[in-house]
PDB file of N, CA and C in Angstrom:
ATOM      1  N   UNK A   1       0.800  -1.319   0.123  1.00  0.00           N
ATOM      2  CA  UNK A   1      -0.039  -0.145  -0.401  1.00  0.00           C
ATOM      3  C   UNK A   1       0.984   0.927   0.013  1.00  0.00           C
ATOM      4  N   UNK A   2       1.314   1.912  -1.189  1.00  0.00           N
ATOM      5  CA  UNK A   2       1.420   3.521  -0.660  1.00  0.00           C
ATOM      6  C   UNK A   2       0.437   4.858   0.155  1.00  0.00           C
ATOM      7  N   UNK A   3       1.945   5.920   0.050  1.00  0.00           N
ATOM      8  CA  UNK A   3       1.641   7.161   0.746  1.00  0.00           C
ATOM      9  C   UNK A   3      -0.080   7.381   0.633  1.00  0.00           C
ATOM     10  N   UNK A   4      -0.536   7.667  -0.897  1.00  0.00           N
ATOM     11  CA  UNK A   4      -1.931   7.819  -1.525  1.00  0.00           C
ATOM     12  C   UNK A   4      -2.967   6.963  -1.068  1.00  0.00           C
ATOM     13  N   UNK A   5      -3.210   5.174  -1.321  1.00  0.00           N
ATOM     14  CA  UNK A   5      -3.838   4.878  -0.538  1.00  0.00           C
ATOM     15  C   UNK A   5      -4.393   4.847   0.205  1.00  0.00           C
ATOM     16  N   UNK A   6      -3.727   5.442   1.390  1.00  0.00           N
ATOM     17  CA  UNK A   6      -3.694   5.302   3.048  1.00  0.00           C
ATOM     18  C   UNK A   6      -4.084   6.019   3.390  1.00  0.00           C
ATOM     19  N   UNK A   7      -3.831   7.672   2.636  1.00  0.00           N
ATOM     20  CA  UNK A   7      -4.757   9.329   2.824  1.00  0.00           C
ATOM     21  C   UNK A   7      -6.014   8.933   2.424  1.00  0.00           C
ATOM     22  N   UNK A   8      -6.253   8.171   1.314  1.00  0.00           N
ATOM     23  CA  UNK A   8      -7.445   8.464   0.970  1.00  0.00           C
ATOM     24  C   UNK A   8      -8.002   7.099   1.876  1.00  0.00           C
ATOM     25  N   UNK A   9      -7.627   5.978   1.987  1.00  0.00           N
ATOM     26  CA  UNK A   9      -8.589   5.288   3.109  1.00  0.00           C
ATOM     27  C   UNK A   9      -8.503   6.090   4.283  1.00  0.00           C
ATOM     28  N   UNK A  10      -8.096   7.192   5.022  1.00  0.00           N
ATOM     29  CA  UNK A  10      -7.848   7.013   6.426  1.00  0.00           C
ATOM     30  C   UNK A  10      -9.212   8.917   6.191  1.00  0.00           C
ATOM     31  N   UNK A  11      -9.230   8.895   5.235  1.00  0.00           N
ATOM     32  CA  UNK A  11     -10.996   9.892   4.791  1.00  0.00           C
ATOM     33  C   UNK A  11     -11.855   9.823   5.175  1.00  0.00           C
ATOM     34  N   UNK A  12     -11.872   7.816   5.439  1.00  0.00           N
ATOM     35  CA  UNK A  12     -13.737   7.396   5.946  1.00  0.00           C
ATOM     36  C   UNK A  12     -13.452   7.215   7.677  1.00  0.00           C
ATOM     37  N   UNK A  13     -11.971   7.684   8.456  1.00  0.00           N
ATOM     38  CA  UNK A  13     -11.846   7.294   9.263  1.00  0.00           C
ATOM     39  C   UNK A  13     -12.145   8.392  10.610  1.00  0.00           C
ATOM     40  N   UNK A  14     -13.652   8.921  11.104  1.00  0.00           N
ATOM     41  CA  UNK A  14     -13.401   9.701  11.845  1.00  0.00           C
ATOM     42  C   UNK A  14     -12.787  10.537  12.879  1.00  0.00           C
ATOM     43  N   UNK A  15     -12.132   9.308  14.027  1.00  0.00           N
ATOM     44  CA  UNK A  15     -11.732   9.565  15.100  1.00  0.00           C
ATOM     45  C   UNK A  15     -10.353   9.696  14.857  1.00  0.00           C
ATOM     46  N   UNK A  16      -9.658  10.895  15.491  1.00  0.00           N
ATOM     47  CA  UNK A  16      -8.388  11.110  14.991  1.00  0.00           C
ATOM     48  C   UNK A  16      -7.269   9.879  15.756  1.00  0.00           C
ATOM     49  N   UNK A  17      -8.186   9.241  17.022  1.00  0.00           N
ATOM     50  CA  UNK A  17      -7.530   7.796  17.811  1.00  0.00           C
ATOM     51  C   UNK A  17      -7.161   6.650  17.093  1.00  0.00           C
ATOM     52  N   UNK A  18      -8.368   6.266  16.305  1.00  0.00           N
ATOM     53  CA  UNK A  18      -8.722   5.305  16.044  1.00  0.00           C
ATOM     54  C   UNK A  18      -7.497   5.478  13.906  1.00  0.00           C
ATOM     55  N   UNK A  19      -7.360   6.713  13.574  1.00  0.00           N
ATOM     56  CA  UNK A  19      -6.804   6.817  12.302  1.00  0.00           C
ATOM     57  C   UNK A  19      -5.121   6.409  13.139  1.00  0.00           C
ATOM     58  N   UNK A  20      -4.899   6.767  13.627  1.00  0.00           N
ATOM     59  CA  UNK A  20      -3.569   7.166  14.097  1.00  0.00           C
ATOM     60  C   UNK A  20      -3.457   4.764  14.430  1.00  0.00           C
ATOM     61  N   UNK A  21      -4.258   4.138  15.524  1.00  0.00           N
ATOM     62  CA  UNK A  21      -4.743   2.779  15.356  1.00  0.00           C
ATOM     63  C   UNK A  21      -4.401   2.393  14.002  1.00  0.00           C
ATOM     64  N   UNK A  22      -5.237   3.225  13.336  1.00  0.00           N
ATOM     65  CA  UNK A  22      -5.072   2.143  11.600  1.00  0.00           C
ATOM     66  C   UNK A  22      -3.159   2.508  10.993  1.00  0.00           C
ATOM     67  N   UNK A  23      -3.006   3.458  10.777  1.00  0.00           N
ATOM     68  CA  UNK A  23      -1.584   3.188  10.830  1.00  0.00           C
ATOM     69  C   UNK A  23      -0.432   2.579  11.236  1.00  0.00           C
ATOM     70  N   UNK A  24      -0.524   2.574  12.524  1.00  0.00           N
ATOM     71  CA  UNK A  24       0.209   2.099  13.552  1.00  0.00           C
ATOM     72  C   UNK A  24       0.164   0.684  13.202  1.00  0.00           C
ATOM     73  N   UNK A  25      -0.851  -0.014  12.718  1.00  0.00           N
ATOM     74  CA  UNK A  25      -1.598  -1.826  12.531  1.00  0.00           C
ATOM     75  C   UNK A  25      -0.920  -1.631  10.898  1.00  0.00           C
ATOM     76  N   UNK A  26      -1.289  -0.844  10.000  1.00  0.00           N
ATOM     77  CA  UNK A  26      -0.661  -1.393   8.797  1.00  0.00           C
ATOM     78  C   UNK A  26       1.357  -1.162   8.851  1.00  0.00           C
ATOM     79  N   UNK A  27       1.675  -0.619   9.510  1.00  0.00           N
ATOM     80  CA  UNK A  27       3.127  -0.618   9.419  1.00  0.00           C
ATOM     81  C   UNK A  27       3.502  -1.320  10.524  1.00  0.00           C
ATOM     82  N   UNK A  28       3.008  -1.900  11.333  1.00  0.00           N
ATOM     83  CA  UNK A  28       3.331  -3.222  12.296  1.00  0.00           C
ATOM     84  C   UNK A  28       2.946  -4.554  11.165  1.00  0.00           C
ATOM     85  N   UNK A  29       2.209  -4.516  10.688  1.00  0.00           N
ATOM     86  CA  UNK A  29       1.842  -5.675   9.857  1.00  0.00           C
ATOM     87  C   UNK A  29       2.722  -6.028   8.181  1.00  0.00           C
ATOM     88  N   UNK A  30       3.412  -4.687   7.675  1.00  0.00           N
ATOM     89  CA  UNK A  30       4.311  -4.250   7.031  1.00  0.00           C
ATOM     90  C   UNK A  30       3.733  -4.007   5.073  1.00  0.00           C
ATOM     91  N   UNK A  31       2.470  -3.470   6.229  1.00  0.00           N
ATOM     92  CA  UNK A  31       1.792  -3.419   5.178  1.00  0.00           C
ATOM     93  C   UNK A  31       2.281  -1.853   4.136  1.00  0.00           C
ATOM     94  N   UNK A  32       2.844  -0.966   4.736  1.00  0.00           N
ATOM     95  CA  UNK A  32       3.105   0.207   4.712  1.00  0.00           C
ATOM     96  C   UNK A  32       4.472   0.721   5.296  1.00  0.00           C
ATOM     97  N   UNK A  33       5.096   1.223   4.808  1.00  0.00           N
ATOM     98  CA  UNK A  33       6.924   1.340   5.316  1.00  0.00           C
ATOM     99  C   UNK A  33       6.940   2.632   6.343  1.00  0.00           C
ATOM    100  N   UNK A  34       8.503   2.459   7.031  1.00  0.00           N
ATOM    101  CA  UNK A  34       8.422   3.310   7.754  1.00  0.00           C
ATOM    102  C   UNK A  34       7.992   5.147   7.059  1.00  0.00           C
ATOM    103  N   UNK A  35       8.212   5.007   6.567  1.00  0.00           N
ATOM    104  CA  UNK A  35       8.675   6.773   5.587  1.00  0.00           C
ATOM    105  C   UNK A  35       6.867   7.015   5.538  1.00  0.00           C
ATOM    106  N   UNK A  36       6.306   6.466   4.781  1.00  0.00           N
ATOM    107  CA  UNK A  36       4.760   6.620   5.003  1.00  0.00           C
ATOM    108  C   UNK A  36       4.147   7.283   5.982  1.00  0.00           C
ATOM    109  N   UNK A  37       4.057   5.287   6.671  1.00  0.00           N
ATOM    110  CA  UNK A  37       4.393   5.978   8.005  1.00  0.00           C
ATOM    111  C   UNK A  37       4.244   7.867   8.806  1.00  0.00           C
ATOM    112  N   UNK A  38       5.803   8.141   8.512  1.00  0.00           N
ATOM    113  CA  UNK A  38       6.124   8.912   9.744  1.00  0.00           C
ATOM    114  C   UNK A  38       5.766  10.095   8.294  1.00  0.00           C
ATOM    115  N   UNK A  39       5.347   9.860   6.922  1.00  0.00           N
ATOM    116  CA  UNK A  39       4.948  11.717   5.896  1.00  0.00           C
ATOM    117  C   UNK A  39       3.096  11.410   6.756  1.00  0.00           C
ATOM    118  N   UNK A  40       2.416  10.364   6.803  1.00  0.00           N
ATOM    119  CA  UNK A  40       1.348  11.061   6.906  1.00  0.00           C
ATOM    120  C   UNK A  40       0.913  11.327   8.839  1.00  0.00           C
ATOM    121  N   UNK A  41       1.762  10.769   9.172  1.00  0.00           N
ATOM    122  CA  UNK A  41       1.808  11.418  10.981  1.00  0.00           C
ATOM    123  C   UNK A  41       2.465  12.521  11.178  1.00  0.00           C
ATOM    124  N   UNK A  42       2.657  12.702   9.760  1.00  0.00           N
ATOM    125  CA  UNK A  42       3.668  14.703  10.042  1.00  0.00           C
ATOM    126  C   UNK A  42       2.543  15.524   9.420  1.00  0.00           C
ATOM    127  N   UNK A  43       2.113  15.325   8.574  1.00  0.00           N
ATOM    128  CA  UNK A  43       0.922  15.532   7.935  1.00  0.00           C
ATOM    129  C   UNK A  43      -0.152  16.072   8.297  1.00  0.00           C
ATOM    130  N   UNK A  44      -0.824  14.445   9.419  1.00  0.00           N
ATOM    131  CA  UNK A  44      -1.783  15.310  10.440  1.00  0.00           C
ATOM    132  C   UNK A  44      -2.491  15.952  12.057  1.00  0.00           C
ATOM    133  N   UNK A  45      -0.611  15.875  11.820  1.00  0.00           N
ATOM    134  CA  UNK A  45       0.017  16.251  12.994  1.00  0.00           C
ATOM    135  C   UNK A  45       0.073  15.934  14.278  1.00  0.00           C
ATOM    136  N   UNK A  46       1.023  14.403  13.832  1.00  0.00           N
ATOM    137  CA  UNK A  46       0.737  13.882  14.856  1.00  0.00           C
ATOM    138  C   UNK A  46       2.184  14.030  15.189  1.00  0.00           C
ATOM    139  N   UNK A  47       3.090  14.031  14.383  1.00  0.00           N
ATOM    140  CA  UNK A  47       4.233  13.996  14.971  1.00  0.00           C
ATOM    141  C   UNK A  47       4.265  15.628  14.301  1.00  0.00           C
ATOM    142  N   UNK A  48       6.157  15.942  15.178  1.00  0.00           N
ATOM    143  CA  UNK A  48       6.480  17.340  14.392  1.00  0.00           C
ATOM    144  C   UNK A  48       8.073  17.120  14.579  1.00  0.00           C
ATOM    145  N   UNK A  49       8.791  16.425  13.689  1.00  0.00           N
ATOM    146  CA  UNK A  49       9.966  16.067  13.725  1.00  0.00           C
ATOM    147  C   UNK A  49      10.902  17.312  13.715  1.00  0.00           C
ATOM    148  N   UNK A  50      10.537  18.609  13.321  1.00  0.00           N
ATOM    149  CA  UNK A  50      11.752  18.750  13.092  1.00  0.00           C
ATOM    150  C   UNK A  50      11.193  20.848  14.667  1.00  0.00           C
ATOM    151  N   UNK A  51      11.209  19.822  15.552  1.00  0.00           N
ATOM    152  CA  UNK A  51      10.405  20.660  16.258  1.00  0.00           C
ATOM    153  C   UNK A  51      11.919  20.066  17.785  1.00  0.00           C
ATOM    154  N   UNK A  52      12.863  18.677  17.428  1.00  0.00           N
ATOM    155  CA  UNK A  52      13.568  18.553  17.935  1.00  0.00           C
ATOM    156  C   UNK A  52      14.639  18.514  16.679  1.00  0.00           C
ATOM    157  N   UNK A  53      15.842  19.500  16.798  1.00  0.00           N
ATOM    158  CA  UNK A  53      16.119  19.719  15.741  1.00  0.00           C
ATOM    159  C   UNK A  53      17.181  18.396  15.556  1.00  0.00           C
ATOM    160  N   UNK A  54      18.179  18.033  16.522  1.00  0.00           N
ATOM    161  CA  UNK A  54      18.900  16.892  16.456  1.00  0.00           C
ATOM    162  C   UNK A  54      18.405  15.673  16.490  1.00  0.00           C
ATOM    163  N   UNK A  55      17.114  15.214  16.652  1.00  0.00           N
ATOM    164  CA  UNK A  55      16.016  14.514  16.185  1.00  0.00           C
ATOM    165  C   UNK A  55      16.119  14.212  14.333  1.00  0.00           C
ATOM    166  N   UNK A  56      15.282  15.639  14.448  1.00  0.00           N
ATOM    167  CA  UNK A  56      15.821  15.213  12.573  1.00  0.00           C
ATOM    168  C   UNK A  56      17.128  15.695  11.831  1.00  0.00           C
ATOM    169  N   UNK A  57      17.893  15.558  12.143  1.00  0.00           N
ATOM    170  CA  UNK A  57      19.047  16.276  11.884  1.00  0.00           C
ATOM    171  C   UNK A  57      19.515  14.515  12.188  1.00  0.00           C
ATOM    172  N   UNK A  58      19.186  13.737  12.951  1.00  0.00           N
ATOM    173  CA  UNK A  58      19.707  12.465  12.980  1.00  0.00           C
ATOM    174  C   UNK A  58      19.321  11.641  11.989  1.00  0.00           C
ATOM    175  N   UNK A  59      18.177  11.767  11.837  1.00  0.00           N
ATOM    176  CA  UNK A  59      17.066  11.238  10.765  1.00  0.00           C
ATOM    177  C   UNK A  59      17.726  10.885   9.607  1.00  0.00           C
ATOM    178  N   UNK A  60      18.083  12.359   9.215  1.00  0.00           N
ATOM    179  CA  UNK A  60      17.879  12.796   7.532  1.00  0.00           C
ATOM    180  C   UNK A  60      19.522  11.874   7.380  1.00  0.00           C
ATOM    181  N   UNK A  61      20.278  11.280   8.703  1.00  0.00           N
ATOM    182  CA  UNK A  61      21.255  11.280   8.211  1.00  0.00           C
ATOM    183  C   UNK A  61      21.913   9.452   8.432  1.00  0.00           C
ATOM    184  N   UNK A  62      20.580   8.948   9.118  1.00  0.00           N
ATOM    185  CA  UNK A  62      20.855   7.589   9.645  1.00  0.00           C
ATOM    186  C   UNK A  62      20.988   6.760   8.803  1.00  0.00           C
ATOM    187  N   UNK A  63      20.900   6.578   7.649  1.00  0.00           N
ATOM    188  CA  UNK A  63      20.951   6.196   6.568  1.00  0.00           C
ATOM    189  C   UNK A  63      22.263   6.157   5.766  1.00  0.00           C
ATOM    190  N   UNK A  64      22.683   7.271   6.345  1.00  0.00           N
ATOM    191  CA  UNK A  64      24.079   7.127   5.613  1.00  0.00           C
ATOM    192  C   UNK A  64      25.448   7.064   6.183  1.00  0.00           C
ATOM    193  N   UNK A  65      24.973   6.749   7.832  1.00  0.00           N
ATOM    194  CA  UNK A  65      26.167   6.253   8.566  1.00  0.00           C
ATOM    195  C   UNK A  65      26.523   4.944   8.614  1.00  0.00           C
ATOM    196  N   UNK A  66      27.884   5.375   8.607  1.00  0.00           N
ATOM    197  CA  UNK A  66      28.800   3.602   8.401  1.00  0.00           C
ATOM    198  C   UNK A  66      29.621   3.720   8.970  1.00  0.00           C
ATOM    199  N   UNK A  67      29.358   2.692  10.360  1.00  0.00           N
ATOM    200  CA  UNK A  67      30.940   2.548  11.451  1.00  0.00           C
ATOM    201  C   UNK A  67      31.966   2.201  10.993  1.00  0.00           C
ATOM    202  N   UNK A  68      33.077   3.016  11.070  1.00  0.00           N
ATOM    203  CA  UNK A  68      34.115   2.900  10.702  1.00  0.00           C
ATOM    204  C   UNK A  68      35.093   1.715  11.798  1.00  0.00           C
ATOM    205  N   UNK A  69      35.800   0.875  10.182  1.00  0.00           N
ATOM    206  CA  UNK A  69      36.369  -0.420  10.807  1.00  0.00           C
ATOM    207  C   UNK A  69      38.242  -0.096  11.600  1.00  0.00           C
ATOM    208  N   UNK A  70      38.298  -0.569  12.733  1.00  0.00           N
ATOM    209  CA  UNK A  70      39.415  -0.097  14.051  1.00  0.00           C
ATOM    210  C   UNK A  70      40.150  -1.471  13.035  1.00  0.00           C
ATOM    211  N   UNK A  71      41.421  -1.163  13.538  1.00  0.00           N
ATOM    212  CA  UNK A  71      42.335  -2.176  13.199  1.00  0.00           C
ATOM    213  C   UNK A  71      42.761  -2.998  14.681  1.00  0.00           C
ATOM    214  N   UNK A  72      42.824  -4.406  14.328  1.00  0.00           N
ATOM    215  CA  UNK A  72      42.907  -5.402  14.921  1.00  0.00           C
ATOM    216  C   UNK A  72      44.072  -5.828  15.550  1.00  0.00           C
ATOM    217  N   UNK A  73      44.751  -5.737  16.887  1.00  0.00           N
ATOM    218  CA  UNK A  73      45.830  -6.303  16.648  1.00  0.00           C
ATOM    219  C   UNK A  73      46.177  -7.648  17.515  1.00  0.00           C
ATOM    220  N   UNK A  74      46.738  -8.199  16.911  1.00  0.00           N
ATOM    221  CA  UNK A  74      47.203  -9.348  17.328  1.00  0.00           C
ATOM    222  C   UNK A  74      47.942  -9.559  18.046  1.00  0.00           C
ATOM    223  N   UNK A  75      48.304 -10.514  19.637  1.00  0.00           N
ATOM    224  CA  UNK A  75      48.761 -10.266  20.584  1.00  0.00           C
ATOM    225  C   UNK A  75      49.705 -11.977  20.556  1.00  0.00           C
TER     226      UNK A  75
END
């Protein structure tokens, strides 16, 4: 299911709490991606990623982080 299909389905749900549970259930079942869930949540005002500047920067570069290779010394 993509984001536009999810938005269309959410139009039929009246209560915000029910809509939140529905979106979370779809994510947990693997029917929507994390990014789709986050986009919908931000659009509906459930979260504000930019409220915490550190979190916003950390999540922006999270996929680009690579652990450094440290040399191993054998004794």
